């Protein structure tokens, strides 16, 4: 197969973008605002879920930190409530929040004395208080939609109806900075990352195999030069995707193979952390999303893991977990996706994950520049 390809235009520096180390701070002053802000933070509207959010004290102010969402048990009992409470603690303890907020989203009817799932909230409260992390607030909402009822678990019995989730300050800031879409449900998120019909087609598989052969020949000749060429190709495609240019079959195949090069992949990981001024992280994330749908197994493990890392600051949202699952299903021995999954499950904060990636990015770019 010929390696000739039309040269892509130079990639100009993005005009504006948000870096992960420049977080958007959104004040959420009321219980209703906090509950309504969950969809943009999670990436979808949770249903029959308990969400525990870490609150960190910085410069005398509270900031939202990591969060964990867990499906509610269909038939709750004391043992199940204890297991769910321990799971939430294990996910958040490592990030050392100063306090936590608990939000239960459930259509199950409560009583006049308390909202539903009171026993679960009590179990979560006791589990976190045992490690000196108090529950600052615990709130129930029937669903997350405009006009939906909410109620506080505390003796104050505060209650009301929710504002429009799409009209909150948190939702507006999330959309403006990340460009991400809030899905209606977790199933909708999974469907948005499901393989395209062409992904498993014979033509695409043949093109990828052809590019694998090209890559082997180039690596044997000069692997560092090959990595540099492929990296520039990926960088150019990110710019094209940001401009709205569709991917060709040849683009998809070559990208699938290029990302199998650890030097290329590790450098692309750094793009999500804002390490390359020529690459807009939002446009890179858009490319990883397209490739997660377009590339067949086992190569899809590469873009799916890149997508997962690009969304790691969303507190373990549905895109992250769905992308990681795609990667692990496509290649059970894929070390990077397994490592990222272990870090997330263990409750490491996003800052720790970014530090590890930054170290790999620095080392890789130094080797390619040598």
Protein backbone atom coordinates (compact mmCIF):
# COMPACT_ATOMS: atom_id res chain seq x y z
CA UNK A 1 0.00 0.00 0.00
CA UNK A 2 1.29 3.43 -0.88
CA UNK A 3 2.13 5.75 2.00
CA UNK A 4 1.54 8.86 -0.08
CA UNK A 5 -1.09 11.15 1.34
CA UNK A 6 -2.08 14.70 0.66
CA UNK A 7 -0.32 16.99 3.12
CA UNK A 8 -2.58 18.50 5.71
CA UNK A 9 -2.55 22.20 6.35
CA UNK A 10 -0.51 23.52 9.29
CA UNK A 11 -2.36 23.57 12.57
CA UNK A 12 -2.71 27.10 13.99
CA UNK A 13 -2.79 27.65 17.72
CA UNK A 14 -6.34 27.52 19.06
CA UNK A 15 -7.84 30.93 19.73
CA UNK A 16 -9.15 30.03 23.15
CA UNK A 17 -9.60 26.95 25.22
CA UNK A 18 -9.80 25.75 28.78
CA UNK A 19 -7.01 23.83 30.44
CA UNK A 20 -7.70 21.19 33.10
CA UNK A 21 -5.49 23.10 35.53
CA UNK A 22 -7.66 26.20 35.03
CA UNK A 23 -10.97 24.93 36.46
CA UNK A 24 -14.19 26.81 36.17
CA UNK A 25 -15.46 27.62 39.65
CA UNK A 26 -19.24 27.66 39.89
CA UNK A 27 -20.96 28.70 43.07
CA UNK A 28 -23.81 26.38 43.98
CA UNK A 29 -25.47 28.04 46.91
CA UNK A 30 -28.79 26.20 47.25
CA UNK A 31 -29.68 22.53 47.52
CA UNK A 32 -31.86 22.81 44.42
CA UNK A 33 -28.99 24.30 42.41
CA UNK A 34 -26.63 21.52 43.44
CA UNK A 35 -29.07 18.78 42.50
CA UNK A 36 -29.89 20.46 39.18
CA UNK A 37 -26.15 20.75 38.43
CA UNK A 38 -25.62 16.97 38.52
CA UNK A 39 -26.43 16.22 34.83
CA UNK A 40 -23.69 18.45 33.39
CA UNK A 41 -21.20 17.13 35.94
CA UNK A 42 -22.04 13.48 35.27
CA UNK A 43 -22.72 13.85 31.55
CA UNK A 44 -26.25 12.42 31.80
CA UNK A 45 -29.40 12.63 33.92
CA UNK A 46 -29.09 10.06 36.72
CA UNK A 47 -32.08 7.94 37.68
CA UNK A 48 -32.50 5.68 40.72
CA UNK A 49 -29.03 6.67 41.87
CA UNK A 50 -27.13 7.89 44.89
CA UNK A 51 -24.43 10.46 44.18
CA UNK A 52 -21.81 11.34 46.78
CA UNK A 53 -19.82 14.51 46.10
CA UNK A 54 -16.59 15.47 47.80
CA UNK A 55 -16.19 19.05 49.01
CA UNK A 56 -12.62 20.34 49.38
CA UNK A 57 -11.57 23.37 51.40
CA UNK A 58 -9.19 25.67 49.50
CA UNK A 59 -8.33 29.21 50.56
CA UNK A 60 -11.21 29.16 53.00
CA UNK A 61 -13.75 28.25 50.29
CA UNK A 62 -15.50 25.01 49.49
CA UNK A 63 -15.04 23.53 46.02
CA UNK A 64 -16.71 20.55 44.41
CA UNK A 65 -14.28 17.67 44.08
CA UNK A 66 -14.59 14.07 42.98
CA UNK A 67 -17.90 12.27 42.96
CA UNK A 68 -19.25 8.77 42.74
CA UNK A 69 -22.60 7.64 41.36
CA UNK A 70 -24.02 4.26 42.33
CA UNK A 71 -27.24 2.55 41.21
CA UNK A 72 -29.76 2.14 43.99
CA UNK A 73 -30.67 -1.40 44.98
CA UNK A 74 -34.07 -2.60 43.79
CA UNK A 75 -34.69 -4.34 47.14
CA UNK A 76 -32.62 -2.44 49.71
CA UNK A 77 -31.73 -3.89 53.08
CA UNK A 78 -29.20 -3.08 55.81
CA UNK A 79 -26.48 -5.25 54.25
CA UNK A 80 -26.90 -3.76 50.78
CA UNK A 81 -26.94 -0.23 52.17
CA UNK A 82 -23.68 -0.96 53.98
CA UNK A 83 -22.05 -2.27 50.80
CA UNK A 84 -23.09 0.83 48.82
CA UNK A 85 -21.86 3.12 51.59
CA UNK A 86 -18.47 1.37 51.70
CA UNK A 87 -18.18 1.56 47.91
CA UNK A 88 -18.73 5.33 48.03
CA UNK A 89 -16.19 5.72 50.83
CA UNK A 90 -13.54 3.69 48.99
CA UNK A 91 -13.93 5.86 45.88
CA UNK A 92 -13.71 9.21 47.65
CA UNK A 93 -11.53 8.61 50.71
CA UNK A 94 -8.22 8.81 48.87
CA UNK A 95 -8.94 12.34 47.61
CA UNK A 96 -9.42 13.43 51.26
CA UNK A 97 -12.48 15.69 51.00
CA UNK A 98 -13.23 17.94 53.94
CA UNK A 99 -16.90 16.92 53.81
CA UNK A 100 -19.36 15.28 51.42
CA UNK A 101 -22.81 15.92 50.03
CA UNK A 102 -25.23 13.06 49.35
CA UNK A 103 -27.90 13.28 46.67
CA UNK A 104 -30.47 10.53 46.18
CA UNK A 105 -32.43 10.54 42.92
CA UNK A 106 -35.37 8.16 43.14
CA UNK A 107 -39.00 7.98 42.10
CA UNK A 108 -39.78 5.77 45.09
CA UNK A 109 -42.25 7.43 47.43
CA UNK A 110 -41.01 8.41 50.88
CA UNK A 111 -43.01 9.00 54.03
CA UNK A 112 -44.24 12.06 55.85
CA UNK A 113 -41.30 11.68 58.23
CA UNK A 114 -38.50 11.34 55.67
CA UNK A 115 -37.69 10.95 51.96
CA UNK A 116 -37.02 7.44 50.57
CA UNK A 117 -33.77 5.53 51.17
CA UNK A 118 -33.22 7.12 54.58
CA UNK A 119 -31.42 3.99 55.79
CA UNK A 120 -28.92 4.26 52.93
CA UNK A 121 -28.24 7.92 53.73
CA UNK A 122 -27.75 6.99 57.39
CA UNK A 123 -25.30 4.23 56.37
CA UNK A 124 -23.32 6.63 54.16
CA UNK A 125 -23.28 9.23 56.94
CA UNK A 126 -21.97 6.73 59.50
CA UNK A 127 -19.37 5.33 57.08
CA UNK A 128 -17.87 8.75 56.30
CA UNK A 129 -18.09 10.03 59.87
CA UNK A 130 -16.06 6.98 60.93
CA UNK A 131 -13.14 8.47 58.97
CA UNK A 132 -13.84 12.01 60.19
CA UNK A 133 -15.53 13.22 57.01
CA UNK A 134 -18.93 14.70 57.85
CA UNK A 135 -21.94 14.71 55.55
CA UNK A 136 -22.58 18.41 54.99
CA UNK A 137 -25.93 17.91 53.30
CA UNK A 138 -28.18 15.07 52.17
CA UNK A 139 -30.93 15.72 49.62
CA UNK A 140 -33.51 13.64 47.78
CA UNK A 141 -35.04 14.49 44.39
CA UNK A 142 -37.73 12.53 42.59
CA UNK A 143 -35.92 13.13 39.29
CA UNK A 144 -33.72 15.85 37.82
CA UNK A 145 -36.07 17.96 35.77
CA UNK A 146 -37.63 21.40 36.02
CA UNK A 147 -40.37 21.41 38.65
CA UNK A 148 -39.39 18.04 40.15
CA UNK A 149 -39.79 17.91 43.95
CA UNK A 150 -36.76 17.79 46.24
CA UNK A 151 -36.47 17.41 49.97
CA UNK A 152 -33.72 17.55 52.58
CA UNK A 153 -33.01 14.57 54.84
CA UNK A 154 -31.96 16.81 57.72
CA UNK A 155 -34.39 17.76 60.51
CA UNK A 156 -34.91 21.17 58.91
CA UNK A 157 -37.06 19.40 56.28
CA UNK A 158 -36.22 21.94 53.58
CA UNK A 159 -38.07 21.23 50.34
CA UNK A 160 -39.02 22.74 47.02
CA UNK A 161 -38.92 22.16 43.28
CA UNK A 162 -35.90 22.04 41.00
CA UNK A 163 -34.96 24.75 38.49
CA UNK A 164 -34.31 23.87 34.87
CA UNK A 165 -31.12 21.71 34.87
CA UNK A 166 -30.14 23.12 31.49
CA UNK A 167 -30.55 26.67 32.70
CA UNK A 168 -28.33 26.57 35.78
CA UNK A 169 -25.07 28.46 35.94
CA UNK A 170 -23.23 25.13 36.27
CA UNK A 171 -24.76 23.80 33.06
CA UNK A 172 -23.98 26.99 31.16
CA UNK A 173 -20.36 27.02 32.36
CA UNK A 174 -19.96 23.32 31.58
CA UNK A 175 -21.25 23.72 28.02
CA UNK A 176 -19.24 26.87 27.35
CA UNK A 177 -15.94 25.45 28.57
CA UNK A 178 -16.07 21.79 27.55
CA UNK A 179 -18.46 21.81 24.60
CA UNK A 180 -19.82 18.51 25.91
CA UNK A 181 -23.40 17.40 25.58
CA UNK A 182 -25.45 16.32 28.61
CA UNK A 183 -27.26 13.12 27.70
CA UNK A 184 -30.71 12.11 28.83
CA UNK A 185 -29.60 8.85 30.44
CA UNK A 186 -26.64 6.56 30.89
CA UNK A 187 -28.05 4.35 28.13
CA UNK A 188 -27.96 7.35 25.80
CA UNK A 189 -24.29 7.88 26.65
CA UNK A 190 -23.54 4.24 25.87
CA UNK A 191 -25.45 4.49 22.60
CA UNK A 192 -23.48 7.63 21.65
CA UNK A 193 -20.24 5.60 21.90
CA UNK A 194 -21.54 2.39 20.34
CA UNK A 195 -19.59 1.10 17.30
CA UNK A 196 -20.66 2.39 13.91
CA UNK A 197 -21.98 -0.31 11.54
CA UNK A 198 -18.90 0.16 9.37
CA UNK A 199 -16.48 -0.34 12.26
CA UNK A 200 -16.55 -4.10 11.98
CA UNK A 201 -16.72 -4.15 8.20
CA UNK A 202 -14.26 -6.07 6.04
CA UNK A 203 -13.12 -2.97 4.14
CA UNK A 204 -12.11 -1.05 7.26
CA UNK A 205 -10.38 -4.09 8.71
CA UNK A 206 -8.41 -4.55 5.50
CA UNK A 207 -7.34 -0.90 5.41
CA UNK A 208 -6.16 -1.08 9.02
CA UNK A 209 -4.20 -4.25 8.33
CA UNK A 210 -2.56 -2.53 5.34
CA UNK A 211 -1.53 0.43 7.49
CA UNK A 212 -0.16 -1.96 10.10
CA UNK A 213 2.15 -3.35 7.44
CA UNK A 214 3.22 0.14 6.45
CA UNK A 215 3.92 0.93 10.10
CA UNK A 216 6.06 -2.17 10.54
CA UNK A 217 8.17 -1.27 7.50
CA UNK A 218 8.58 2.34 8.66
CA UNK A 219 9.44 1.36 12.24
CA UNK A 220 12.10 -1.05 11.03
CA UNK A 221 13.58 1.74 8.92
CA UNK A 222 13.46 4.55 11.53
CA UNK A 223 10.97 4.20 14.34
CA UNK A 224 11.51 7.68 15.79
CA UNK A 225 10.96 9.34 12.43
CA UNK A 226 7.86 7.21 11.92
CA UNK A 227 6.48 8.30 15.29
CA UNK A 228 7.09 11.93 14.44
CA UNK A 229 5.29 11.63 11.11
CA UNK A 230 2.32 9.85 12.65
CA UNK A 231 2.14 12.37 15.46
CA UNK A 232 2.00 15.27 13.02
CA UNK A 233 -0.68 13.42 11.08
CA UNK A 234 -2.81 12.97 14.21
CA UNK A 235 -2.27 16.60 15.18
CA UNK A 236 -3.42 17.67 11.71
CA UNK A 237 -6.55 15.54 11.93
CA UNK A 238 -7.43 17.11 15.29
CA UNK A 239 -7.34 20.49 13.59
CA UNK A 240 -9.47 19.22 10.73
CA UNK A 241 -12.04 17.72 13.09
CA UNK A 242 -12.19 21.00 14.98
CA UNK A 243 -12.95 22.71 11.67
CA UNK A 244 -15.74 20.22 10.95
CA UNK A 245 -13.93 18.15 8.29
CA UNK A 246 -15.24 14.55 8.21
CA UNK A 247 -12.87 11.60 8.53
CA UNK A 248 -12.16 9.51 5.45
CA UNK A 249 -11.80 5.72 5.52
CA UNK A 250 -8.06 6.13 5.05
CA UNK A 251 -7.91 8.64 7.92
CA UNK A 252 -9.67 6.23 10.27
CA UNK A 253 -7.40 3.34 9.33
CA UNK A 254 -4.18 5.31 9.62
CA UNK A 255 -5.24 6.90 12.91
CA UNK A 256 -6.13 3.49 14.35
CA UNK A 257 -2.60 2.27 13.61
CA UNK A 258 -0.80 5.50 14.54
CA UNK A 259 -2.31 5.45 18.03
CA UNK A 260 -0.95 1.94 18.56
CA UNK A 261 2.52 3.52 18.70
CA UNK A 262 3.11 4.16 22.44
CA UNK A 263 5.07 7.34 21.67
CA UNK A 264 2.15 8.77 19.69
CA UNK A 265 -0.45 7.64 22.21
CA UNK A 266 1.42 9.00 25.24
CA UNK A 267 1.89 12.35 23.53
CA UNK A 268 -1.82 12.46 22.72
CA UNK A 269 -2.59 11.81 26.37
CA UNK A 270 -0.75 15.02 27.17
CA UNK A 271 -3.00 16.97 24.82
CA UNK A 272 -5.97 16.37 27.13
CA UNK A 273 -3.93 17.97 29.93
CA UNK A 274 -3.24 21.04 27.77
CA UNK A 275 0.47 20.37 27.17
CA UNK A 276 0.48 21.34 23.47
CA UNK A 277 -0.51 24.90 22.57
CA UNK A 278 -1.16 23.79 18.99
CA UNK A 279 -3.90 21.37 20.02
CA UNK A 280 -7.29 22.31 21.45
CA UNK A 281 -8.18 19.62 24.05
CA UNK A 282 -11.86 19.92 23.13
CA UNK A 283 -11.12 19.14 19.48
CA UNK A 284 -8.87 16.24 20.50
CA UNK A 285 -11.64 14.82 22.66
CA UNK A 286 -14.00 15.11 19.70
CA UNK A 287 -11.60 13.06 17.59
CA UNK A 288 -11.25 10.36 20.26
CA UNK A 289 -15.05 10.16 20.43
CA UNK A 290 -15.31 9.69 16.66
CA UNK A 291 -12.62 7.03 16.66
CA UNK A 292 -14.16 5.18 19.61
CA UNK A 293 -17.15 4.62 17.36
CA UNK A 294 -15.27 4.10 14.10
CA UNK A 295 -12.34 1.84 14.97
CA UNK A 296 -12.78 -1.94 15.41
CA UNK A 297 -11.30 -4.12 18.13
CA UNK A 298 -8.61 -4.44 19.29
CA UNK A 299 -7.30 -1.07 18.04
CA UNK A 300 -10.29 0.83 19.46
CA UNK A 301 -8.75 0.36 22.92
CA UNK A 302 -6.35 3.23 22.12
CA UNK A 303 -8.81 6.05 21.27
CA UNK A 304 -11.29 4.81 23.88
CA UNK A 305 -8.64 5.14 26.59
CA UNK A 306 -7.67 8.58 25.31
CA UNK A 307 -11.34 9.58 25.52
CA UNK A 308 -11.60 8.21 29.05
CA UNK A 309 -8.61 10.24 30.19
CA UNK A 310 -9.92 13.36 28.45
CA UNK A 311 -13.05 13.14 30.63
CA UNK A 312 -11.34 12.14 33.88
CA UNK A 313 -11.96 15.60 35.36
CA UNK A 314 -15.71 15.01 35.13
CA UNK A 315 -15.61 13.02 38.37
CA UNK A 316 -16.02 9.55 36.93
CA UNK A 317 -18.89 10.33 34.58
CA UNK A 318 -20.63 7.95 32.23
CA UNK A 319 -18.43 8.78 29.22
CA UNK A 320 -15.31 7.85 31.19
CA UNK A 321 -16.65 4.52 32.43
CA UNK A 322 -18.25 3.63 29.10
CA UNK A 323 -15.06 4.42 27.18
CA UNK A 324 -12.94 2.40 29.61
CA UNK A 325 -15.31 -0.53 29.28
CA UNK A 326 -15.05 -0.33 25.49
CA UNK A 327 -11.26 -0.40 25.76
CA UNK A 328 -11.17 -3.34 28.15
CA UNK A 329 -13.70 -5.34 26.11
CA UNK A 330 -11.74 -4.71 22.91
CA UNK A 331 -8.39 -5.66 24.42
CA UNK A 332 -8.46 -7.32 27.88
CA UNK A 333 -4.67 -7.05 28.04
CA UNK A 334 -4.54 -3.32 27.26
CA UNK A 335 -2.33 -2.05 30.09
CA UNK A 336 -3.09 1.67 29.91
CA UNK A 337 -6.86 1.27 30.16
CA UNK A 338 -6.47 -1.21 33.01
CA UNK A 339 -4.15 1.18 34.84
CA UNK A 340 -6.51 4.13 34.41
CA UNK A 341 -9.44 1.99 35.55
CA UNK A 342 -7.50 0.94 38.65
CA UNK A 343 -6.66 4.55 39.51
CA UNK A 344 -10.28 5.66 39.10
CA UNK A 345 -11.66 2.72 41.08
CA UNK A 346 -9.14 3.34 43.86
CA UNK A 347 -10.35 6.92 44.15
CA UNK A 348 -7.19 8.72 43.05
CA UNK A 349 -8.02 12.40 42.40
CA UNK A 350 -7.78 13.76 38.82
CA UNK A 351 -4.67 15.72 39.81
CA UNK A 352 -2.79 12.48 40.51
CA UNK A 353 -3.83 10.96 37.20
CA UNK A 354 -2.75 14.10 35.35
CA UNK A 355 0.63 14.08 37.09
CA UNK A 356 1.30 10.53 35.92
CA UNK A 357 0.31 11.42 32.37
CA UNK A 358 2.38 14.60 32.45
CA UNK A 359 5.46 12.60 33.41
CA UNK A 360 4.89 10.15 30.53
CA UNK A 361 4.27 13.04 28.11
CA UNK A 362 7.46 14.85 29.14
CA UNK A 363 9.56 11.72 28.79
CA UNK A 364 8.07 10.77 25.42
CA UNK A 365 8.35 14.20 23.83
CA UNK A 366 11.96 14.46 24.99
CA UNK A 367 12.80 11.17 23.29
CA UNK A 368 11.08 12.19 20.06
CA UNK A 369 12.88 15.52 20.03
CA UNK A 370 16.31 13.97 20.61
